[in-house]
Protein backbone atom coordinates (compact mmCIF):
# COMPACT_ATOMS: atom_id res chain seq x y z
CA MET A 1 48.40 -80.09 21.76
CA TYR A 2 46.87 -76.62 22.26
CA LYS A 3 46.52 -74.84 25.56
CA GLU A 4 43.49 -75.72 27.65
CA THR A 5 42.77 -71.98 28.02
CA ILE A 6 41.62 -71.83 24.40
CA THR A 7 37.82 -71.60 24.56
CA GLN A 8 34.95 -72.02 22.12
CA ASN A 9 34.87 -68.22 21.52
CA ALA A 10 31.29 -68.05 20.23
CA GLN A 11 31.95 -64.54 18.89
CA TYR A 12 33.96 -66.18 16.11
CA THR A 13 31.03 -68.35 14.90
CA PHE A 14 27.86 -67.72 12.87
CA LYS A 15 26.05 -66.91 16.16
CA TYR A 16 27.77 -63.52 16.29
CA ASN A 17 26.21 -62.57 12.94
CA SER A 18 22.57 -63.28 13.83
CA SER A 19 21.69 -59.73 14.94
CA LEU A 20 23.94 -57.82 12.53
CA GLY A 21 21.62 -56.55 9.82
CA ARG A 22 22.12 -58.26 6.48
CA HIS A 23 24.59 -60.72 8.00
CA GLY A 24 21.68 -62.15 9.99
CA TRP A 25 19.28 -62.54 7.08
CA LEU A 26 19.92 -66.25 6.71
CA ARG A 27 21.55 -68.74 9.03
CA LEU A 28 24.17 -71.18 7.75
CA THR A 29 25.94 -73.21 10.40
CA PRO A 30 29.43 -73.31 8.77
CA ALA A 31 29.38 -69.52 8.27
CA TYR A 32 32.21 -67.69 10.01
CA SER A 33 32.04 -64.56 12.09
CA VAL A 34 31.94 -60.92 11.05
CA CYS A 35 34.13 -60.30 14.08
CA LEU A 36 36.92 -62.49 12.70
CA VAL A 37 36.98 -60.75 9.30
CA GLU A 38 36.98 -57.33 10.96
CA GLU A 39 39.91 -58.31 13.17
CA ILE A 40 41.92 -59.57 10.18
CA LEU A 41 41.29 -56.33 8.28
CA SER A 42 42.14 -54.15 11.29
CA GLU A 43 45.49 -55.88 11.80
CA LEU A 44 46.71 -55.47 8.20
CA ASP A 45 49.73 -53.21 7.82
CA TYR A 46 48.34 -51.80 4.57
CA SER A 47 45.00 -50.65 3.18
CA PRO A 48 43.74 -53.31 0.76
CA HIS A 49 42.50 -51.99 -2.56
CA CYS A 50 40.65 -55.22 -3.44
CA VAL A 51 39.79 -58.27 -1.33
CA MET A 52 38.88 -61.63 -2.82
CA ASP A 53 36.80 -64.31 -1.08
CA PRO A 54 37.04 -67.48 -3.21
CA PHE A 55 34.50 -69.36 -1.04
CA SER A 56 31.73 -66.80 -0.66
CA GLY A 57 29.15 -68.92 1.18
CA THR A 58 26.74 -66.49 2.85
CA GLY A 59 28.86 -63.53 1.73
CA THR A 60 30.40 -62.57 5.08
CA THR A 61 33.75 -61.27 3.81
CA GLY A 62 32.23 -59.34 0.91
CA LEU A 63 29.64 -57.62 3.08
CA VAL A 64 32.17 -56.72 5.80
CA CYS A 65 34.41 -55.17 3.13
CA ALA A 66 31.50 -53.36 1.48
CA ASN A 67 30.41 -51.91 4.82
CA LYS A 68 33.97 -50.66 5.39
CA GLY A 69 34.26 -49.12 1.93
CA ILE A 70 36.74 -51.73 0.67
CA PRO A 71 36.14 -53.02 -2.88
CA SER A 72 35.98 -56.80 -3.15
CA PHE A 73 34.70 -59.71 -5.17
CA ALA A 74 33.86 -63.30 -4.32
CA LEU A 75 33.64 -66.67 -6.04
CA GLU A 76 31.00 -69.29 -5.35
CA ILE A 77 30.10 -72.55 -7.09
CA ASN A 78 26.57 -72.77 -5.69
CA PRO A 79 24.11 -70.60 -7.71
CA PHE A 80 21.78 -70.12 -4.74
CA LEU A 81 24.64 -68.71 -2.64
CA VAL A 82 25.67 -66.48 -5.56
CA TRP A 83 22.14 -65.05 -5.54
CA LEU A 84 22.10 -64.68 -1.74
CA GLY A 85 25.51 -63.01 -1.63
CA ASN A 86 24.57 -60.50 -4.31
CA ALA A 87 21.24 -59.82 -2.57
CA LYS A 88 23.17 -58.92 0.57
CA LEU A 89 25.48 -56.60 -1.37
CA LYS A 90 22.77 -54.76 -3.31
CA ILE A 91 21.86 -51.10 -2.76
CA TYR A 92 18.18 -50.85 -1.78
CA PRO A 93 16.61 -47.37 -2.16
CA GLU A 94 14.52 -46.33 0.83
CA ASN A 95 11.33 -46.07 -1.23
CA LYS A 96 11.78 -49.67 -2.44
CA VAL A 97 12.12 -50.87 1.15
CA ARG A 98 8.90 -49.05 2.06
CA ASP A 99 7.20 -50.64 -0.95
CA PHE A 100 8.44 -54.05 0.22
CA LEU A 101 6.83 -53.66 3.64
CA SER A 102 3.60 -52.36 2.08
CA VAL A 103 3.46 -55.34 -0.29
CA ALA A 104 4.16 -57.71 2.61
CA ASN A 105 1.16 -56.40 4.52
CA CYS A 106 -1.03 -56.65 1.43
CA LEU A 107 0.05 -60.23 0.68
CA MET A 108 -0.58 -61.35 4.23
CA TYR A 109 -4.05 -59.81 4.19
CA ASN A 110 -4.92 -61.73 1.01
CA ILE A 111 -2.73 -64.83 1.26
CA GLU A 112 -5.66 -67.28 1.43
CA ASN A 113 -6.82 -66.01 -1.98
CA TYR A 114 -3.61 -66.99 -3.77
CA PRO A 115 -3.41 -70.48 -5.26
CA PRO A 116 -0.58 -72.68 -3.98
CA ALA A 117 2.49 -73.16 -6.16
CA ASP A 118 3.64 -76.71 -6.75
CA LEU A 119 5.37 -78.17 -3.73
CA PRO A 120 9.12 -78.69 -4.15
CA PRO A 121 10.16 -82.32 -4.83
CA ILE A 122 11.86 -82.76 -1.46
CA HIS A 123 11.87 -86.36 -0.26
CA ASN A 124 9.37 -86.87 2.56
CA ILE A 125 8.38 -83.19 2.46
CA TYR A 126 5.80 -83.52 5.26
CA ARG A 127 8.61 -84.41 7.62
CA TRP A 128 9.91 -80.90 7.01
CA TRP A 129 6.54 -79.11 7.00
CA ASN A 130 3.11 -80.46 7.89
CA PRO A 131 0.47 -80.16 5.11
CA ARG A 132 -0.91 -76.84 6.36
CA GLN A 133 2.55 -75.31 6.73
CA ALA A 134 3.53 -76.52 3.26
CA ASP A 135 0.31 -75.13 1.77
CA PHE A 136 0.94 -71.73 3.37
CA LEU A 137 4.47 -71.63 1.99
CA ALA A 138 3.27 -72.70 -1.46
CA ARG A 139 0.73 -69.86 -1.51
CA LEU A 140 3.39 -67.42 -0.38
CA LYS A 141 5.75 -68.61 -3.11
CA TYR A 142 3.02 -68.06 -5.72
CA ALA A 143 2.26 -64.61 -4.29
CA ILE A 144 5.90 -63.53 -4.48
CA LYS A 145 5.99 -64.46 -8.16
CA THR A 146 3.17 -61.95 -8.79
CA ILE A 147 5.27 -59.03 -7.51
CA GLU A 148 6.21 -56.90 -10.53
CA ASP A 149 8.99 -54.85 -8.94
CA SER A 150 12.17 -56.97 -9.06
CA THR A 151 13.79 -55.22 -6.08
CA VAL A 152 10.73 -55.75 -3.90
CA ALA A 153 10.51 -59.36 -5.08
CA GLN A 154 14.18 -59.92 -4.21
CA LEU A 155 13.71 -58.65 -0.66
CA PHE A 156 10.64 -60.81 -0.24
CA THR A 157 12.54 -63.82 -1.54
CA VAL A 158 15.23 -63.22 1.09
CA ALA A 159 12.49 -63.13 3.71
CA PHE A 160 10.90 -66.26 2.21
CA CYS A 161 14.13 -68.20 2.75
CA ARG A 162 14.03 -67.33 6.43
CA ILE A 163 10.31 -68.10 6.64
CA ILE A 164 10.57 -71.63 5.24
CA ILE A 165 12.90 -72.52 8.12
CA GLU A 166 10.96 -70.62 10.80
CA LEU A 167 7.81 -72.55 9.86
CA SER A 168 9.51 -75.90 9.58
CA ASN A 169 10.15 -78.91 11.80
CA VAL A 170 13.91 -78.47 11.34
CA ALA A 171 16.36 -78.18 14.22
CA PHE A 172 19.85 -76.71 13.94
CA ASN A 173 21.44 -78.54 16.86
CA HIS A 174 24.32 -79.86 14.76
CA VAL A 175 26.49 -78.61 11.89
CA SER A 176 23.97 -80.18 9.51
CA THR A 177 20.18 -80.24 9.39
CA SER A 178 18.18 -82.46 11.73
CA PHE A 179 14.54 -82.65 12.74
CA LYS A 180 12.92 -81.61 15.97
CA ASP A 181 12.03 -84.39 18.35
CA THR A 182 8.38 -83.43 18.61
CA GLU A 183 4.95 -84.61 17.56
CA ASP A 184 3.44 -81.14 17.81
CA TYR A 185 2.33 -80.24 14.31
CA SER A 186 -0.09 -77.47 15.33
CA PHE A 187 -0.27 -74.56 12.90
CA SER A 188 -2.01 -71.21 13.07
CA ILE A 189 -2.26 -69.22 9.87
CA GLU A 190 -2.59 -65.99 11.86
CA THR A 191 0.62 -66.76 13.74
CA ALA A 192 2.31 -67.61 10.44
CA LYS A 193 1.27 -64.24 9.01
CA GLU A 194 2.70 -62.47 12.06
CA THR A 195 5.94 -64.41 11.62
CA VAL A 196 6.15 -63.36 7.97
CA LEU A 197 5.68 -59.68 8.83
CA LEU A 198 8.27 -59.80 11.62
CA ILE A 199 10.81 -61.39 9.28
CA CYS A 200 10.04 -58.84 6.57
CA GLU A 201 10.65 -56.04 9.08
CA MET A 202 14.00 -57.62 9.98
CA VAL A 203 14.99 -57.86 6.31
CA ALA A 204 13.86 -54.28 5.66
CA LYS A 205 15.94 -52.96 8.56
CA GLY A 206 19.04 -54.64 7.13
CA ALA A 207 18.26 -53.38 3.64
CA LEU A 208 18.27 -49.77 4.84
CA SER A 209 21.86 -50.12 6.07
CA GLN A 210 23.65 -49.53 2.78
CA PRO A 211 27.10 -50.84 1.77
CA CYS A 212 29.78 -48.21 1.19
CA ALA A 213 31.66 -50.00 -1.61
CA THR A 214 30.72 -52.10 -4.61
CA SER A 215 31.15 -55.84 -4.55
CA GLU A 216 29.85 -58.88 -6.38
CA VAL A 217 29.69 -62.64 -6.12
CA ILE A 218 30.64 -64.53 -9.29
CA LEU A 219 29.51 -68.04 -10.18
CA HIS A 220 32.88 -69.75 -10.51
CA ASP A 221 34.82 -72.83 -9.39
CA SER A 222 37.45 -71.71 -6.85
CA ARG A 223 40.08 -74.03 -8.28
CA SER A 224 40.84 -71.19 -10.68
CA VAL A 225 40.62 -67.40 -10.69
CA PRO A 226 38.56 -65.66 -13.43
CA ILE A 227 41.01 -64.33 -15.99
CA GLU A 228 39.60 -60.81 -15.74
CA HIS A 229 40.45 -60.72 -12.02
CA VAL A 230 44.01 -62.05 -12.23
CA GLY A 231 46.34 -59.43 -10.78
CA LYS A 232 43.43 -57.37 -9.45
CA TYR A 233 43.40 -58.38 -5.76
CA ASP A 234 45.95 -57.88 -3.00
CA THR A 235 44.16 -59.66 -0.14
CA VAL A 236 42.30 -62.93 0.33
CA ILE A 237 40.06 -63.55 3.36
CA THR A 238 38.04 -66.72 3.18
CA SER A 239 36.84 -69.85 4.91
CA PRO A 240 36.83 -72.90 2.64
CA PRO A 241 34.96 -76.08 3.51
CA TYR A 242 36.68 -78.00 6.28
CA PRO A 243 38.02 -81.52 5.58
CA ASN A 244 35.29 -83.04 7.76
CA ARG A 245 32.84 -84.52 5.26
CA VAL A 246 30.06 -82.09 6.22
CA SER A 247 28.04 -81.24 3.13
CA TYR A 248 26.83 -77.69 2.57
CA ILE A 249 24.19 -79.07 0.22
CA ARG A 250 22.45 -80.83 3.10
CA GLU A 251 21.66 -77.60 4.93
CA LEU A 252 20.94 -75.62 1.75
CA ARG A 253 18.45 -78.09 0.28
CA PRO A 254 15.22 -76.50 1.59
CA TYR A 255 16.11 -73.08 0.15
CA MET A 256 17.34 -74.49 -3.15
CA TYR A 257 14.27 -76.68 -3.69
CA TRP A 258 11.74 -74.00 -2.78
CA LEU A 259 13.51 -71.44 -5.00
CA ASP A 260 13.78 -73.92 -7.91
CA TYR A 261 17.57 -74.16 -7.92
CA LEU A 262 17.15 -77.90 -7.44
CA LYS A 263 14.62 -80.25 -8.98
CA THR A 264 16.19 -83.63 -8.22
CA SER A 265 18.52 -85.24 -5.72
CA GLU A 266 20.85 -86.00 -8.65
CA GLN A 267 21.30 -82.27 -9.24
CA ALA A 268 22.19 -81.85 -5.56
CA SER A 269 24.81 -84.60 -5.66
CA ASP A 270 26.25 -83.27 -8.96
CA LEU A 271 26.77 -79.87 -7.38
CA ASP A 272 28.26 -81.37 -4.23
CA TRP A 273 30.76 -83.38 -6.26
CA LYS A 274 31.90 -80.22 -8.04
CA ALA A 275 32.38 -78.44 -4.71
CA ILE A 276 35.60 -78.99 -2.77
CA GLY A 277 34.96 -81.41 0.07
CA GLY A 278 31.56 -82.54 -1.18
CA THR A 279 30.33 -86.08 -0.46
CA TRP A 280 26.57 -85.83 -0.84
CA GLY A 281 24.77 -88.52 -2.84
CA LYS A 282 26.71 -89.97 -5.75
CA ALA A 283 29.79 -87.94 -4.78
CA THR A 284 30.48 -90.69 -2.27
CA SER A 285 30.50 -93.41 -4.91
CA LEU A 286 32.60 -91.29 -7.28
CA LEU A 287 35.29 -91.10 -4.61
CA SER A 288 35.82 -94.84 -4.93
CA THR A 289 37.17 -94.40 -8.48
CA TRP A 290 39.00 -91.12 -7.97
CA LYS A 291 42.79 -91.18 -8.54
CA SER A 292 45.34 -89.12 -6.65
CA ASP A 293 47.86 -86.89 -8.48
CA ASN A 294 50.45 -87.17 -5.66
CA SER A 295 50.96 -83.39 -5.42
CA LEU A 296 50.93 -83.17 -1.61
CA PRO A 297 53.65 -83.50 1.04
CA GLN A 298 54.34 -87.19 1.70
CA TYR A 299 53.12 -87.09 5.31
CA VAL A 300 49.59 -86.27 4.11
CA TYR A 301 49.50 -89.56 2.19
CA ASP A 302 50.83 -91.29 5.30
CA ILE A 303 47.96 -89.85 7.36
CA ALA A 304 45.45 -90.93 4.74
CA LYS A 305 46.94 -94.44 4.75
CA ARG A 306 46.51 -94.59 8.53
CA ILE A 307 42.83 -93.70 8.07
CA SER A 308 42.36 -96.46 5.47
CA GLY A 309 43.93 -98.97 7.86
CA VAL A 310 41.27 -98.47 10.53
CA ASP A 311 38.75 -101.28 10.98
CA ASN A 312 35.77 -99.47 9.45
CA LYS A 313 33.93 -100.19 6.21
CA SER A 314 34.24 -96.53 5.13
CA ALA A 315 37.93 -96.17 5.99
CA GLY A 316 39.16 -96.60 2.42
CA LEU A 317 36.62 -94.10 1.15
CA MET A 318 37.73 -91.56 3.75
CA GLU A 319 41.33 -91.99 2.64
CA SER A 320 40.27 -90.85 -0.84
CA TYR A 321 38.12 -88.08 0.60
CA VAL A 322 40.99 -86.55 2.59
CA LEU A 323 43.43 -86.75 -0.32
CA LYS A 324 40.98 -85.31 -2.85
CA TYR A 325 40.11 -82.46 -0.49
CA PHE A 326 43.74 -81.38 -0.05
CA GLU A 327 44.69 -81.92 -3.70
CA ASP A 328 41.73 -79.71 -4.70
CA MET A 329 42.85 -77.11 -2.17
CA TYR A 330 46.41 -77.27 -3.47
CA GLN A 331 45.08 -76.48 -6.95
CA HIS A 332 43.04 -73.63 -5.50
CA LEU A 333 45.94 -72.16 -3.52
CA SER A 334 48.17 -72.30 -6.60
CA ALA A 335 45.58 -70.35 -8.60
CA VAL A 336 45.17 -67.77 -5.83
CA TYR A 337 48.93 -67.29 -5.58
CA GLY A 338 49.27 -66.87 -9.34
CA GLY A 339 46.52 -64.25 -9.51
CA MET A 340 47.53 -62.20 -6.47
CA GLU A 341 49.52 -58.99 -6.53
CA HIS A 342 53.08 -59.17 -5.20
CA LYS A 343 53.24 -58.72 -1.41
CA GLY A 344 49.54 -59.55 -1.19
CA LYS A 345 48.35 -61.51 1.85
CA ALA A 346 46.01 -64.48 2.18
CA PHE A 347 44.05 -65.57 5.26
CA TYR A 348 42.28 -68.95 5.47
CA ILE A 349 39.88 -69.73 8.32
CA ILE A 350 40.02 -73.50 8.57
CA GLY A 351 39.40 -76.33 11.03
CA ASN A 352 41.23 -79.60 11.56
CA SER A 353 39.39 -82.93 11.55
CA ASN A 354 39.46 -86.42 12.96
CA PHE A 355 38.58 -89.72 11.29
CA TYR A 356 38.33 -92.84 13.45
CA GLY A 357 40.84 -91.42 15.93
CA VAL A 358 43.29 -90.22 13.27
CA THR A 359 43.77 -86.44 13.39
CA VAL A 360 44.07 -84.56 10.11
CA PRO A 361 46.09 -81.40 10.97
CA ALA A 362 44.61 -79.10 8.33
CA GLU A 363 46.45 -76.07 9.71
CA ARG A 364 49.86 -77.74 9.26
CA ILE A 365 48.95 -79.08 5.82
CA TYR A 366 47.77 -75.63 4.67
CA VAL A 367 51.03 -74.08 5.92
CA ASP A 368 53.11 -76.65 4.05
CA MET A 369 51.05 -76.40 0.85
CA MET A 370 51.24 -72.59 0.84
CA THR A 371 54.98 -72.69 1.48
CA LYS A 372 55.53 -75.17 -1.34
CA ILE A 373 53.54 -72.97 -3.73
CA GLY A 374 55.66 -69.90 -2.90
CA PHE A 375 53.94 -68.01 -0.09
CA VAL A 376 56.33 -66.59 2.51
CA ASN A 377 55.94 -65.82 6.21
CA VAL A 378 53.37 -68.61 6.40
CA ASP A 379 52.01 -69.45 9.84
CA TYR A 380 48.78 -70.04 11.72
CA GLN A 381 46.98 -68.92 14.86
CA VAL A 382 44.44 -70.88 16.88
CA VAL A 383 41.09 -69.07 16.84
CA ARG A 384 38.88 -71.22 19.01
CA LYS A 385 38.08 -74.65 20.31
CA ARG A 386 35.17 -76.23 18.46
CA ASN A 387 32.45 -77.72 20.64
CA CYS A 388 31.93 -80.92 18.64
CA ASN A 389 35.14 -82.69 19.72
CA LYS A 390 37.84 -81.92 22.27
CA GLN A 391 40.53 -82.47 19.62
CA LEU A 392 39.04 -80.06 17.06
CA TYR A 393 40.07 -76.42 16.71
CA GLU A 394 39.64 -73.57 14.29
CA PHE A 395 42.61 -71.65 12.90
CA VAL A 396 43.58 -68.74 10.71
CA VAL A 397 46.36 -69.78 8.35
CA PHE A 398 48.09 -66.84 6.68
CA GLY A 399 50.86 -66.11 4.22
CA GLN A 400 52.21 -63.47 1.86
CA LYS A 401 53.04 -63.57 -1.81
CA SER A 402 56.76 -63.16 -2.31
CA THR A 403 58.17 -60.09 -4.02
CA GLY A 404 60.00 -62.11 -6.64
């Protein structure tokens, strides 16, 4: 296996981003580190003229490139993350940022006078927020909708996303959302107002640090490349979902419900099924009828068969999950290769996984899929040891488009 000297290297996780301006606006556990993207860019033997991130997430790659003056674009299937990524990439004039802070102070002074918006239809909502917390957030949501300036409203909406978590009973002690083990539901509206203003100041500080290059996040399924961008990028730096059955939807639900991107749990499961690696809600049942196209190296099917042979009621389902994940990624990698300029390079930040004691070597599978598609000089490097399991690591898999 890998050397014991490989550590967890926290600088390569989302924790590194928390104090870095716009990168720290919103926390998402699977987000990867600014540090890692910067290192990849610094080690290139050419100056990229356009970088693509086909799994935008919280927009890390796009914002790093924009801050370095490198044009880029990103793809994302989740409309909330498309909005968030573009909010991070936007130019905010200094006078608009001042207006934002002025409006924030005004809203907090008068917040009790605003009527509450309807509460989002989150199951068991008072587990997330007690009634007074939920009422405060509902009034704040209504107040934001009264802001006439769209730029100011966008900044306040970014702050609102952070606020709904800061005022919640949610704990981020795992890769997905859990709830604090506490019965303390005390709430002070004055403390809540102070929290809002502190978060708004944090958002404003990030907004004043302007990107140096244009970039955008496009609502698009990463299994293809938008036709208008084919042949327009020479570098890919991205981190797709890992084959570990962790749903992004689970952690994004509070933002998406409060911002009206979701109205029902069915909408959440529909979106998760469309996303690569999704298994939230009905996506799990749909896996039971999914059929493989047999496009992968044979050993991947052998690994999946070993998983299905384990004495566990979900073993057969996990066989389908693993195969669908890699077949979707094979389709994605083929599209990326076809749309990339000759000699372009691709970098995938990916983790391996383990199901019932059966290791799924994602790094090896990515290398073999990329090689089969036509990438050359394909290899991987170990980035860090993940803290959730002694057998789990994170890698950068890389390859180059051939000159043929």
